[in-house]
Amino acid sequence: MPAEPVQDTKDKLSVPALTAMVVGSMVGAGVFQLPARFASQTGVYGALIAWAIAGAGMLTLAFVFQALAVRKPQLDNGVYVYARAGFAARSRMLHLRIPG
């Protein structure tokens, strides 16, 4: 009984997939290295001040979205819908981004 020929069926990744993997690895490594480097250079007080500034910014953003939700309850699909409602007459980019 003759042996069947072995086919070379190696899976290959495309260039965009490989690029995405490299970029993802770089971003992922940076996410874990940056806080350690920041803490070693600024100390405890620098880290606390940075957390306070970031927390204040996030709280402000939450209040902005709360105000938008109260003023425009019919818009319930997120940031792009609010932007389209506010700037649709002035920006073609938003029309390209959100159909309809």
Protein backbone atom coordinates (compact mmCIF):
# COMPACT_ATOMS: atom_id res chain seq x y z
CA MET A 1 0.00 0.00 0.00
CA PRO A 2 1.65 3.28 -1.13
CA ALA A 3 2.00 6.16 1.36
CA GLU A 4 -0.09 9.24 0.76
CA PRO A 5 1.82 12.42 -0.05
CA VAL A 6 2.05 14.85 2.85
CA GLN A 7 0.70 18.28 2.03
CA ASP A 8 2.27 21.41 3.47
CA THR A 9 -0.68 23.06 5.21
CA LYS A 10 1.02 25.65 7.37
CA ASP A 11 -1.30 28.39 8.51
CA LYS A 12 -0.03 31.83 7.64
CA LEU A 13 -0.92 35.18 9.13
CA SER A 14 -1.39 38.22 6.97
CA VAL A 15 0.72 41.35 7.34
CA PRO A 16 -2.13 43.33 8.99
CA ALA A 17 -2.66 40.53 11.51
CA LEU A 18 1.05 40.41 12.35
CA THR A 19 1.15 44.21 12.64
CA ALA A 20 -1.81 44.16 14.99
CA MET A 21 -0.11 41.54 17.14
CA VAL A 22 3.06 43.61 17.40
CA VAL A 23 1.19 46.82 18.22
CA GLY A 24 -0.94 44.99 20.77
CA SER A 25 2.14 43.57 22.44
CA MET A 26 3.79 46.99 22.61
CA VAL A 27 0.69 48.64 24.08
CA GLY A 28 0.17 45.79 26.51
CA ALA A 29 3.74 45.99 27.75
CA GLY A 30 3.48 49.75 28.13
CA VAL A 31 0.32 49.49 30.19
CA PHE A 32 2.14 47.49 32.83
CA GLN A 33 5.48 49.32 32.70
CA LEU A 34 4.23 52.90 32.82
CA PRO A 35 2.66 52.86 36.33
CA ALA A 36 5.80 51.32 37.85
CA ARG A 37 8.06 53.85 36.16
CA PHE A 38 5.76 56.72 37.13
CA ALA A 39 5.61 55.58 40.76
CA SER A 40 9.38 55.20 41.00
CA GLN A 41 9.98 58.70 39.63
CA THR A 42 7.24 60.66 41.42
CA GLY A 43 6.75 58.77 44.65
CA VAL A 44 3.54 58.26 46.57
CA TYR A 45 2.38 61.86 46.45
CA GLY A 46 2.81 62.13 42.69
CA ALA A 47 0.76 58.99 42.19
CA LEU A 48 -1.98 60.28 44.51
CA ILE A 49 -2.10 63.62 42.68
CA ALA A 50 -2.31 61.84 39.31
CA TRP A 51 -5.14 59.60 40.58
CA ALA A 52 -6.98 62.66 41.92
CA ILE A 53 -6.67 64.51 38.60
CA ALA A 54 -7.80 61.46 36.61
CA GLY A 55 -10.69 60.87 39.02
CA ALA A 56 -11.82 64.49 38.77
CA GLY A 57 -11.71 64.27 34.99
CA MET A 58 -13.76 61.08 34.92
CA LEU A 59 -16.29 62.53 37.35
CA THR A 60 -16.62 65.61 35.14
CA LEU A 61 -17.15 63.40 32.10
CA ALA A 62 -19.82 61.43 33.96
CA PHE A 63 -21.62 64.69 34.84
CA VAL A 64 -21.47 65.78 31.19
CA PHE A 65 -23.10 62.55 30.03
CA GLN A 66 -25.68 62.81 32.80
CA ALA A 67 -26.60 66.32 31.63
CA LEU A 68 -26.81 65.15 28.02
CA ALA A 69 -29.04 62.23 29.01
CA VAL A 70 -31.38 64.58 30.87
CA ARG A 71 -31.52 67.17 28.07
CA LYS A 72 -31.76 64.69 25.17
CA PRO A 73 -33.39 61.47 26.45
CA GLN A 74 -34.24 60.33 22.90
CA LEU A 75 -30.51 60.02 22.11
CA ASP A 76 -29.46 56.78 23.74
CA ASN A 77 -26.74 55.32 21.52
CA GLY A 78 -23.58 56.89 22.87
CA VAL A 79 -20.95 59.50 22.18
CA TYR A 80 -21.21 59.58 18.36
CA VAL A 81 -24.96 60.14 18.47
CA TYR A 82 -24.50 63.10 20.82
CA ALA A 83 -21.79 64.49 18.55
CA ARG A 84 -23.91 64.04 15.44
CA ALA A 85 -26.85 65.79 17.08
CA GLY A 86 -24.65 68.68 18.18
CA PHE A 87 -22.38 69.14 15.17
CA ALA A 88 -24.15 67.51 12.21
CA ALA A 89 -24.62 70.77 10.32
CA ARG A 90 -20.91 71.63 10.66
CA SER A 91 -19.06 68.40 10.13
CA ARG A 92 -19.14 65.92 7.27
CA MET A 93 -16.88 63.51 9.17
CA LEU A 94 -19.69 62.64 11.56
CA HIS A 95 -21.98 61.83 8.66
CA LEU A 96 -19.38 59.44 7.26
CA ARG A 97 -18.91 57.87 10.69
CA ILE A 98 -22.60 57.25 11.50
CA PRO A 99 -24.99 56.29 8.73
CA GLY A 100 -28.54 57.50 8.90
